[in-house]
Amino acid sequence: MSGDGGGSGRDDSGGSSSDEVGFLEATSIGVGGMVGGGIFAVLGLAVQLAGGGTPVAFALAGAVALVTAYAYSRLSVSFPSQGGTVSFLNRAFGEGTLTGSLNVLLWLSYIVMLSLYAFAFGSYGATFFPKGSQGFWKHVLISGAIVVIAGLNLLSAKVVGEVEDWIVGIKLTILLFFVAVGIWGIQGARLAPSAWKPPFQLAAGGMIIFLAYEGFELIANTAGDAKDPEKTLPRAFFTSVGFVIALYVAVAIVTVGNLPVDKIVQAKDFALAAAARPFLGQFGFTLIAVAAMLSTASAINATLYGSARLSYIMAKDGELPAVLEKKIWQEPAEGLLITAAAALLVSNLLDLSAISTMGSAGFLLLFAGVNVANVRLADQTDSRAWVGVVGAAACLAALAALLWQTVRTDPSRLWVLVLLLGLSVVVEVIYRAVTGRTIRVSLSPSGGATSDGGS
């Protein structure tokens, strides 16, 4: 998805292509994956939990993402592979059922995130239609976003990269304009510590919005295509996460500072648009709605890029059906189509308010695993093992805060996490038992994971 043609970057014979991902392209992928549906769709829920301390909640969630970015940067440089997270877990923990289940969980979590982004795209887009027909147009837009962007990925990787670069630029310009204009109307009392929720509840608010940070790991999927990866990848990881932390904190400050908490909560999915009204009027509402649609489309684009390659590498390693190994026009098309089809079903049929909360939980669990993987491989990645320990502990503490808040407010939402975890294990166990395929990962000298997906 890079501006130079973010495809594989390697042909089937293993030779290098001229399509390399540079620093700006890799950073664009990370920012595009993060600044998506999360901040627009569930900001109201974060404000409801954290109150005037919402900027602090965003900073806490960002800190968890930043320390995890260290693990991803070291692993990506040492073991470049299109598989990203999948390859890291396989290398660190072996090829057992536990690792396979975590990898399936990652793929399912991508589908959850795609569904959330599409749902947010449809919700904002529907506001441009008459109220009586908004429900119909919402689902048309949900489906259209997934189908059109998946089609672009199939049609031309180069076009996708160019479109992504433009979308990232436009949406960031709009959000920065929102911050620059809105900062003058902030009322400091609304952000004072006296307006914050209790510390544990404040942290839980940040973890519910954690899904807004999860997209940075998509940079790892470009490792095999990166130009000068030892410099490009760490810079891209830390730059993208650091920038997004600053952006989210600024957006939260302007939102809470311009609009009372009760009105933000009342606005729910349209919290940012509602916050723009006091200083930009209806024009501001429309502008933010456009930004939301661009952001969620960008996130769908970035996530489809990563998830298609994820399913491809899992099939190569024997963890998904062999049909997903096939390519069309040098792209892992089957994985992209199946992922898109699953996202279409989930986004049109399920309640995504619960799924968004559990989507964050799924990624926190996976990121804890990646941090532990970096600890186990510290000698090979030339990493500071203690950073990985801190990262794993932070992810698990964040997960505990999120689950505590969910149990306290709406225990019924826990079934989504149970379903995701259970489905991940069941798919892994049944698939191995029925097909007899085994995971046969051979590790190339360069660190990439390769496999014949043997039977």
Protein backbone atom coordinates (compact mmCIF):
# COMPACT_ATOMS: atom_id res chain seq x y z
CA MET A 1 0.00 0.00 0.00
CA SER A 2 2.97 2.26 -0.37
CA GLY A 3 3.03 5.12 -2.76
CA ASP A 4 5.43 3.10 -4.92
CA GLY A 5 3.06 0.18 -5.20
CA GLY A 6 2.65 -1.40 -1.81
CA GLY A 7 2.46 -4.97 -3.03
CA SER A 8 4.67 -7.82 -2.09
CA GLY A 9 7.87 -6.24 -3.25
CA ARG A 10 9.20 -9.74 -4.07
CA ASP A 11 8.35 -12.02 -6.93
CA ASP A 12 7.64 -15.70 -6.52
CA SER A 13 11.23 -16.63 -7.18
CA GLY A 14 12.37 -14.56 -4.27
CA GLY A 15 13.98 -11.79 -6.27
CA SER A 16 13.60 -8.20 -5.22
CA SER A 17 11.36 -5.91 -7.15
CA SER A 18 11.77 -2.20 -7.60
CA ASP A 19 8.69 -1.46 -5.48
CA GLU A 20 10.21 -0.47 -2.15
CA VAL A 21 8.53 1.13 0.84
CA GLY A 22 10.28 4.23 2.12
CA PHE A 23 9.97 6.10 5.41
CA LEU A 24 7.07 8.30 4.32
CA GLU A 25 5.12 5.39 2.83
CA ALA A 26 5.63 3.21 5.91
CA THR A 27 4.67 6.07 8.23
CA SER A 28 1.61 6.74 6.08
CA ILE A 29 0.54 3.11 6.47
CA GLY A 30 0.90 3.35 10.25
CA VAL A 31 -0.93 6.67 10.57
CA GLY A 32 -3.60 5.55 8.11
CA GLY A 33 -4.20 2.39 10.13
CA MET A 34 -4.47 4.28 13.42
CA VAL A 35 -6.39 7.45 12.58
CA GLY A 36 -9.48 5.55 11.54
CA GLY A 37 -12.85 4.59 12.90
CA GLY A 38 -11.83 4.38 16.54
CA ILE A 39 -11.49 8.05 17.38
CA PHE A 40 -14.65 8.96 15.51
CA ALA A 41 -16.88 6.04 16.52
CA VAL A 42 -16.15 5.56 20.22
CA LEU A 43 -14.73 8.87 21.41
CA GLY A 44 -18.03 9.55 23.18
CA LEU A 45 -17.68 6.37 25.21
CA ALA A 46 -14.14 7.30 26.23
CA VAL A 47 -15.36 10.72 27.37
CA GLN A 48 -18.20 9.10 29.31
CA LEU A 49 -15.68 6.99 31.23
CA ALA A 50 -12.83 9.50 31.64
CA GLY A 51 -14.69 12.84 31.73
CA GLY A 52 -12.35 15.83 31.65
CA GLY A 53 -9.40 13.44 31.89
CA THR A 54 -10.01 12.06 28.40
CA PRO A 55 -6.74 13.56 27.05
CA VAL A 56 -4.89 11.70 29.81
CA ALA A 57 -6.74 8.50 28.89
CA PHE A 58 -5.57 8.86 25.29
CA ALA A 59 -2.00 9.46 26.48
CA LEU A 60 -2.11 6.30 28.64
CA ALA A 61 -3.34 4.18 25.74
CA GLY A 62 -0.70 5.76 23.52
CA ALA A 63 2.03 4.88 26.00
CA VAL A 64 1.03 1.20 25.77
CA ALA A 65 1.16 1.44 21.97
CA LEU A 66 4.54 3.21 22.04
CA VAL A 67 6.29 0.63 24.21
CA THR A 68 4.83 -2.14 22.03
CA ALA A 69 6.11 -0.33 18.93
CA TYR A 70 9.62 -0.98 20.27
CA ALA A 71 9.03 -4.73 20.13
CA TYR A 72 7.59 -4.50 16.63
CA SER A 73 10.47 -2.37 15.36
CA ARG A 74 13.15 -4.76 16.65
CA LEU A 75 11.34 -7.88 15.43
CA SER A 76 10.59 -6.35 12.01
CA VAL A 77 14.21 -5.41 11.40
CA SER A 78 15.53 -8.80 12.54
CA PHE A 79 12.88 -11.00 10.91
CA PRO A 80 11.37 -9.18 7.90
CA SER A 81 8.30 -10.92 6.57
CA GLN A 82 4.91 -10.11 5.07
CA GLY A 83 3.46 -12.10 7.96
CA GLY A 84 4.41 -9.52 10.60
CA THR A 85 2.80 -10.55 13.89
CA VAL A 86 2.19 -14.10 12.67
CA SER A 87 5.85 -14.67 11.85
CA PHE A 88 7.01 -13.16 15.16
CA LEU A 89 4.75 -15.41 17.24
CA ASN A 90 5.69 -18.53 15.26
CA ARG A 91 9.39 -17.85 15.63
CA ALA A 92 9.24 -17.08 19.36
CA PHE A 93 6.79 -19.74 20.57
CA GLY A 94 7.03 -22.50 17.99
CA GLU A 95 4.29 -24.03 15.89
CA GLY A 96 1.84 -25.35 18.47
CA THR A 97 -1.89 -24.90 18.90
CA LEU A 98 -1.47 -21.88 21.18
CA THR A 99 0.51 -19.93 18.58
CA GLY A 100 -1.87 -20.98 15.84
CA SER A 101 -4.85 -19.85 17.89
CA LEU A 102 -3.27 -16.45 18.51
CA ASN A 103 -2.63 -16.06 14.81
CA VAL A 104 -6.24 -16.91 13.98
CA LEU A 105 -7.31 -14.43 16.68
CA LEU A 106 -5.26 -11.75 14.92
CA TRP A 107 -7.02 -12.42 11.63
CA LEU A 108 -10.44 -12.36 13.32
CA SER A 109 -9.49 -9.13 15.10
CA TYR A 110 -8.66 -7.56 11.75
CA ILE A 111 -12.12 -8.50 10.55
CA VAL A 112 -13.61 -6.92 13.69
CA MET A 113 -11.68 -3.71 13.06
CA LEU A 114 -12.64 -3.64 9.39
CA SER A 115 -16.25 -4.00 10.43
CA LEU A 116 -15.99 -1.17 12.93
CA TYR A 117 -14.38 1.15 10.39
CA ALA A 118 -17.02 0.34 7.78
CA PHE A 119 -19.79 0.83 10.33
CA ALA A 120 -18.42 4.27 11.26
CA PHE A 121 -18.07 5.18 7.57
CA GLY A 122 -21.70 4.31 6.95
CA SER A 123 -22.91 6.09 10.09
CA TYR A 124 -21.26 9.39 9.20
CA GLY A 125 -22.12 9.12 5.52
CA ALA A 126 -25.80 8.54 6.30
CA THR A 127 -26.04 11.98 7.94
CA PHE A 128 -25.95 13.52 4.47
CA PHE A 129 -29.27 11.84 3.58
CA PRO A 130 -32.82 12.55 4.81
CA LYS A 131 -33.52 11.09 8.25
CA GLY A 132 -36.18 8.72 6.98
CA SER A 133 -33.76 6.96 4.64
CA GLN A 134 -30.60 7.10 6.75
CA GLY A 135 -30.89 3.48 7.88
CA PHE A 136 -30.96 2.26 4.30
CA TRP A 137 -28.09 4.43 3.12
CA LYS A 138 -26.03 3.51 6.16
CA HIS A 139 -25.90 -0.13 5.07
CA VAL A 140 -25.35 0.81 1.42
CA LEU A 141 -22.34 2.89 2.43
CA ILE A 142 -21.02 0.22 4.83
CA SER A 143 -21.05 -2.36 2.04
CA GLY A 144 -19.87 0.04 -0.65
CA ALA A 145 -16.80 1.11 1.32
CA ILE A 146 -15.57 -2.46 1.75
CA VAL A 147 -16.34 -3.54 -1.82
CA VAL A 148 -14.83 -0.48 -3.54
CA ILE A 149 -11.63 -0.44 -1.47
CA ALA A 150 -11.14 -4.19 -1.86
CA GLY A 151 -11.61 -3.69 -5.60
CA LEU A 152 -8.94 -0.99 -5.65
CA ASN A 153 -6.53 -3.35 -3.91
CA LEU A 154 -7.17 -5.98 -6.57
CA LEU A 155 -7.09 -3.55 -9.48
CA SER A 156 -3.84 -1.75 -8.81
CA ALA A 157 -1.57 -1.71 -5.77
CA LYS A 158 0.02 1.47 -7.11
CA VAL A 159 -3.34 3.23 -7.30
CA VAL A 160 -4.12 2.12 -3.76
CA GLY A 161 -0.84 3.55 -2.49
CA GLU A 162 -1.47 6.88 -4.20
CA VAL A 163 -5.05 7.05 -2.91
CA GLU A 164 -3.88 6.23 0.62
CA ASP A 165 -1.29 9.01 0.56
CA TRP A 166 -3.93 11.55 -0.50
CA ILE A 167 -6.48 10.40 2.06
CA VAL A 168 -3.98 10.53 4.92
CA GLY A 169 -2.99 14.06 3.94
CA ILE A 170 -6.56 15.34 3.63
CA LYS A 171 -7.89 13.85 6.84
CA LEU A 172 -4.92 15.05 8.86
CA THR A 173 -5.33 18.55 7.44
CA ILE A 174 -8.97 18.59 8.53
CA LEU A 175 -8.21 17.30 12.03
CA LEU A 176 -5.35 19.76 12.48
CA PHE A 177 -7.67 22.56 11.32
CA PHE A 178 -10.21 21.38 13.91
CA VAL A 179 -7.53 21.59 16.62
CA ALA A 180 -6.10 24.94 15.45
CA VAL A 181 -9.47 26.68 15.38
CA GLY A 182 -11.07 24.93 18.36
CA ILE A 183 -8.19 25.51 20.76
CA TRP A 184 -9.20 29.16 21.11
CA GLY A 185 -12.62 28.27 22.55
CA ILE A 186 -11.41 25.85 25.24
CA GLN A 187 -12.75 26.33 28.74
CA GLY A 188 -10.03 25.20 31.13
CA ALA A 189 -12.41 24.23 33.92
CA ARG A 190 -13.73 21.36 31.80
CA LEU A 191 -10.22 19.86 31.68
CA ALA A 192 -9.25 20.48 35.32
CA PRO A 193 -8.35 17.44 37.50
CA SER A 194 -11.57 18.03 39.44
CA ALA A 195 -13.46 17.08 36.25
CA TRP A 196 -11.57 13.79 35.83
CA LYS A 197 -13.05 10.40 36.65
CA PRO A 198 -11.35 8.13 39.24
CA PRO A 199 -7.93 6.85 38.05
CA PHE A 200 -8.94 3.26 37.28
CA GLN A 201 -12.03 4.37 35.38
CA LEU A 202 -9.95 6.94 33.52
CA ALA A 203 -7.51 4.21 32.46
CA ALA A 204 -10.41 2.01 31.36
CA GLY A 205 -11.64 4.83 29.15
CA GLY A 206 -8.26 4.93 27.45
CA MET A 207 -8.25 1.20 26.90
CA ILE A 208 -11.69 1.22 25.27
CA ILE A 209 -10.28 3.66 22.74
CA PHE A 210 -7.10 1.56 22.36
CA LEU A 211 -8.40 0.20 19.08
CA ALA A 212 -7.67 3.66 17.69
CA TYR A 213 -3.95 2.85 18.08
CA GLU A 214 -3.88 -0.74 16.86
CA GLY A 215 -3.08 0.06 13.22
CA PHE A 216 0.62 0.78 13.76
CA GLU A 217 1.49 -2.90 13.58
CA LEU A 218 0.58 -2.89 9.87
CA ILE A 219 4.01 -1.36 9.24
CA ALA A 220 5.50 -4.76 10.11
CA ASN A 221 3.80 -6.27 7.05
CA THR A 222 5.94 -4.04 4.82
CA ALA A 223 9.26 -5.16 6.35
CA GLY A 224 10.19 -7.35 3.39
CA ASP A 225 9.65 -4.40 1.05
CA ALA A 226 11.25 -1.67 3.17
CA LYS A 227 14.06 0.48 1.84
CA ASP A 228 16.97 0.46 4.32
CA PRO A 229 14.82 -1.34 6.94
CA GLU A 230 17.22 -0.88 9.90
CA LYS A 231 16.62 2.86 9.73
CA THR A 232 13.25 3.08 8.00
CA LEU A 233 11.20 0.72 10.17
CA PRO A 234 12.06 2.00 13.70
CA ARG A 235 11.66 5.59 12.53
CA ALA A 236 8.30 4.79 10.93
CA PHE A 237 6.99 2.96 14.01
CA PHE A 238 7.93 5.63 16.53
CA THR A 239 7.10 8.60 14.29
CA SER A 240 3.63 7.31 13.43
CA VAL A 241 2.73 6.36 17.02
CA GLY A 242 4.21 9.53 18.51
CA PHE A 243 2.43 11.75 16.02
CA VAL A 244 -0.92 10.02 16.56
CA ILE A 245 -0.60 10.28 20.35
CA ALA A 246 -0.07 14.05 20.03
CA LEU A 247 -2.97 14.33 17.57
CA TYR A 248 -5.40 12.31 19.71
CA VAL A 249 -4.53 14.22 22.88
CA ALA A 250 -5.00 17.53 21.06
CA VAL A 251 -8.33 16.41 19.57
CA ALA A 252 -9.51 15.24 23.01
CA ILE A 253 -8.51 18.56 24.59
CA VAL A 254 -10.44 20.56 21.99
CA THR A 255 -13.47 18.24 22.17
CA VAL A 256 -13.80 18.22 25.96
CA GLY A 257 -12.78 21.86 26.24
CA ASN A 258 -15.47 23.08 23.86
CA LEU A 259 -18.44 20.91 24.78
CA PRO A 260 -19.82 19.73 28.15
CA VAL A 261 -19.31 16.04 28.84
CA ASP A 262 -23.05 15.32 28.91
CA LYS A 263 -23.48 16.75 25.41
CA ILE A 264 -20.50 14.75 24.11
CA VAL A 265 -21.98 11.55 25.54
CA GLN A 266 -25.35 12.45 24.07
CA ALA A 267 -23.73 12.88 20.64
CA LYS A 268 -22.22 9.38 20.94
CA ASP A 269 -20.70 8.41 17.57
CA PHE A 270 -20.72 12.02 16.38
CA ALA A 271 -18.82 13.51 19.31
CA LEU A 272 -16.17 15.20 17.18
CA ALA A 273 -18.70 16.66 14.79
CA ALA A 274 -20.78 17.94 17.69
CA ALA A 275 -17.69 19.48 19.28
CA ALA A 276 -17.00 21.44 16.09
CA ARG A 277 -20.40 23.12 16.12
CA PRO A 278 -19.68 25.68 18.90
CA PHE A 279 -16.88 27.32 16.90
CA LEU A 280 -17.53 26.25 13.28
CA GLY A 281 -21.32 25.81 13.13
CA GLN A 282 -22.92 23.43 10.63
CA PHE A 283 -19.90 23.83 8.38
CA GLY A 284 -17.79 22.30 11.15
CA PHE A 285 -20.16 19.39 11.60
CA THR A 286 -20.03 18.65 7.87
CA LEU A 287 -16.27 19.05 7.74
CA ILE A 288 -15.71 16.56 10.56
CA ALA A 289 -18.20 14.15 9.01
CA VAL A 290 -16.16 14.25 5.81
CA ALA A 291 -12.97 13.73 7.81
CA ALA A 292 -14.57 10.73 9.51
CA MET A 293 -15.46 9.16 6.18
CA LEU A 294 -11.97 9.76 4.81
CA SER A 295 -10.36 8.39 7.97
CA THR A 296 -12.44 5.24 8.11
CA ALA A 297 -11.92 4.63 4.38
CA SER A 298 -8.18 5.05 4.94
CA ALA A 299 -8.27 2.60 7.86
CA ILE A 300 -10.19 0.05 5.79
CA ASN A 301 -7.55 0.43 3.09
CA ALA A 302 -4.61 -0.02 5.46
CA THR A 303 -6.21 -2.95 7.30
CA LEU A 304 -7.17 -4.78 4.11
CA TYR A 305 -3.56 -4.47 2.98
CA GLY A 306 -2.27 -6.09 6.15
CA SER A 307 -4.99 -8.69 6.60
CA ALA A 308 -4.73 -10.01 3.03
CA ARG A 309 -1.03 -10.63 3.52
CA LEU A 310 -1.68 -12.04 6.98
CA SER A 311 -4.07 -14.69 5.63
CA TYR A 312 -1.61 -15.45 2.81
CA ILE A 313 1.34 -16.08 5.15
CA MET A 314 -0.86 -18.12 7.51
CA ALA A 315 -1.90 -20.32 4.58
CA LYS A 316 1.74 -20.67 3.53
CA ASP A 317 2.52 -21.82 7.07
CA GLY A 318 -0.33 -24.32 7.04
CA GLU A 319 -2.64 -22.49 9.46
CA LEU A 320 -5.38 -21.66 6.93
CA PRO A 321 -6.62 -23.46 3.77
CA ALA A 322 -4.07 -23.78 0.96
CA VAL A 323 -6.34 -21.86 -1.44
CA LEU A 324 -5.29 -18.68 0.37
CA GLU A 325 -1.73 -19.22 -0.89
CA LYS A 326 -2.79 -18.54 -4.47
CA LYS A 327 -2.15 -15.14 -6.00
CA ILE A 328 -3.88 -13.09 -8.67
CA TRP A 329 -1.73 -10.44 -10.37
CA GLN A 330 1.02 -11.17 -7.82
CA GLU A 331 -1.34 -10.22 -4.96
CA PRO A 332 -2.83 -12.55 -2.27
CA ALA A 333 -6.33 -11.95 -3.64
CA GLU A 334 -8.15 -14.88 -2.07
CA GLY A 335 -7.27 -13.74 1.44
CA LEU A 336 -8.38 -10.21 0.64
CA LEU A 337 -11.72 -11.35 -0.79
CA ILE A 338 -12.51 -13.71 2.09
CA THR A 339 -11.56 -11.08 4.69
CA ALA A 340 -13.69 -8.47 2.93
CA ALA A 341 -16.66 -10.85 2.70
CA ALA A 342 -16.46 -11.65 6.41
CA ALA A 343 -16.28 -7.95 7.26
CA LEU A 344 -19.36 -7.32 5.12
CA LEU A 345 -21.35 -9.83 7.16
CA VAL A 346 -20.14 -8.64 10.56
CA SER A 347 -20.57 -4.92 9.85
CA ASN A 348 -24.10 -5.36 8.52
CA LEU A 349 -25.40 -7.92 11.01
CA LEU A 350 -23.77 -7.40 14.43
CA ASP A 351 -23.84 -4.80 17.20
CA LEU A 352 -20.48 -3.12 16.85
CA SER A 353 -20.67 -1.15 20.09
CA ALA A 354 -19.82 -4.35 21.98
CA ILE A 355 -17.40 -5.58 19.33
CA SER A 356 -15.41 -2.33 19.44
CA THR A 357 -14.75 -2.82 23.15
CA MET A 358 -13.72 -6.43 22.73
CA GLY A 359 -11.70 -5.58 19.61
CA SER A 360 -9.45 -3.53 21.85
CA ALA A 361 -9.20 -6.47 24.24
CA GLY A 362 -8.18 -8.80 21.42
CA PHE A 363 -5.36 -6.55 20.28
CA LEU A 364 -4.13 -5.92 23.82
CA LEU A 365 -3.81 -9.69 24.29
CA LEU A 366 -1.99 -10.07 20.99
CA PHE A 367 0.34 -7.15 21.70
CA ALA A 368 1.21 -8.70 25.06
CA GLY A 369 2.23 -11.81 23.13
CA VAL A 370 4.42 -9.80 20.76
CA ASN A 371 6.17 -8.11 23.69
CA VAL A 372 6.86 -11.50 25.26
CA ALA A 373 8.09 -12.74 21.88
CA ASN A 374 10.62 -9.91 21.80
CA VAL A 375 11.80 -10.84 25.29
CA ARG A 376 12.34 -14.46 24.22
CA LEU A 377 14.22 -13.34 21.09
CA ALA A 378 16.09 -10.43 22.67
CA ASP A 379 19.53 -11.90 21.90
CA GLN A 380 18.66 -12.21 18.21
CA THR A 381 16.92 -8.84 17.92
CA ASP A 382 19.54 -6.99 19.96
CA SER A 383 16.75 -5.69 22.20
CA ARG A 384 16.54 -4.58 25.80
CA ALA A 385 14.53 -7.41 27.32
CA TRP A 386 13.23 -5.24 30.16
CA VAL A 387 11.38 -3.05 27.66
CA GLY A 388 9.49 -6.10 26.45
CA VAL A 389 8.64 -7.08 30.02
CA VAL A 390 7.29 -3.58 30.67
CA GLY A 391 5.34 -3.71 27.41
CA ALA A 392 3.74 -7.07 28.18
CA ALA A 393 2.84 -5.96 31.72
CA ALA A 394 1.33 -2.72 30.37
CA CYS A 395 -0.80 -4.57 27.83
CA LEU A 396 -2.09 -7.05 30.41
CA ALA A 397 -2.80 -4.27 32.95
CA ALA A 398 -4.67 -2.35 30.26
CA LEU A 399 -6.64 -5.49 29.38
CA ALA A 400 -7.52 -5.98 33.05
CA ALA A 401 -8.77 -2.39 33.30
CA LEU A 402 -10.90 -2.81 30.19
CA LEU A 403 -12.41 -6.10 31.36
CA TRP A 404 -13.08 -4.68 34.82
CA GLN A 405 -14.95 -1.75 33.33
CA THR A 406 -16.90 -4.06 31.02
CA VAL A 407 -17.93 -6.34 33.89
CA ARG A 408 -18.94 -3.33 35.96
CA THR A 409 -21.04 -1.64 33.27
CA ASP A 410 -22.24 -4.30 30.81
CA PRO A 411 -21.17 -7.89 31.56
CA SER A 412 -23.08 -9.17 28.52
CA ARG A 413 -20.36 -7.74 26.27
CA LEU A 414 -17.90 -10.31 27.56
CA TRP A 415 -19.46 -12.92 25.31
CA VAL A 416 -17.83 -11.22 22.32
CA LEU A 417 -14.34 -11.80 23.69
CA VAL A 418 -15.25 -15.33 24.72
CA LEU A 419 -16.57 -15.93 21.20
CA LEU A 420 -13.44 -14.52 19.56
CA LEU A 421 -11.09 -16.54 21.78
CA GLY A 422 -13.19 -19.68 21.53
CA LEU A 423 -13.53 -19.41 17.76
CA SER A 424 -9.79 -18.90 17.39
CA VAL A 425 -9.03 -22.12 19.29
CA VAL A 426 -11.82 -24.12 17.65
CA VAL A 427 -10.80 -23.08 14.13
CA GLU A 428 -7.18 -24.02 14.83
CA VAL A 429 -7.94 -27.39 16.44
CA ILE A 430 -10.63 -28.51 13.98
CA TYR A 431 -8.69 -27.33 10.94
CA ARG A 432 -5.63 -29.34 11.93
CA ALA A 433 -7.70 -32.41 12.79
CA VAL A 434 -9.78 -32.38 9.59
CA THR A 435 -7.13 -31.46 7.03
CA GLY A 436 -4.06 -33.01 8.59
CA ARG A 437 -1.97 -30.02 7.50
CA THR A 438 0.89 -29.18 9.79
CA ILE A 439 2.74 -25.94 10.31
CA ARG A 440 6.12 -26.28 8.71
CA VAL A 441 7.90 -22.98 9.07
CA SER A 442 11.49 -22.89 7.85
CA LEU A 443 13.36 -19.74 8.79
CA SER A 444 15.47 -18.26 6.05
CA PRO A 445 18.90 -16.79 6.82
CA SER A 446 17.51 -13.29 6.34
CA GLY A 447 14.94 -13.91 9.01
CA GLY A 448 11.87 -14.24 6.82
CA ALA A 449 9.42 -17.04 7.54
CA THR A 450 8.87 -19.41 4.64
CA SER A 451 6.93 -22.62 4.38
CA ASP A 452 5.68 -25.23 2.00
CA GLY A 453 2.50 -25.52 4.05
CA GLY A 454 3.02 -29.26 3.99
CA SER A 455 0.29 -31.79 4.45
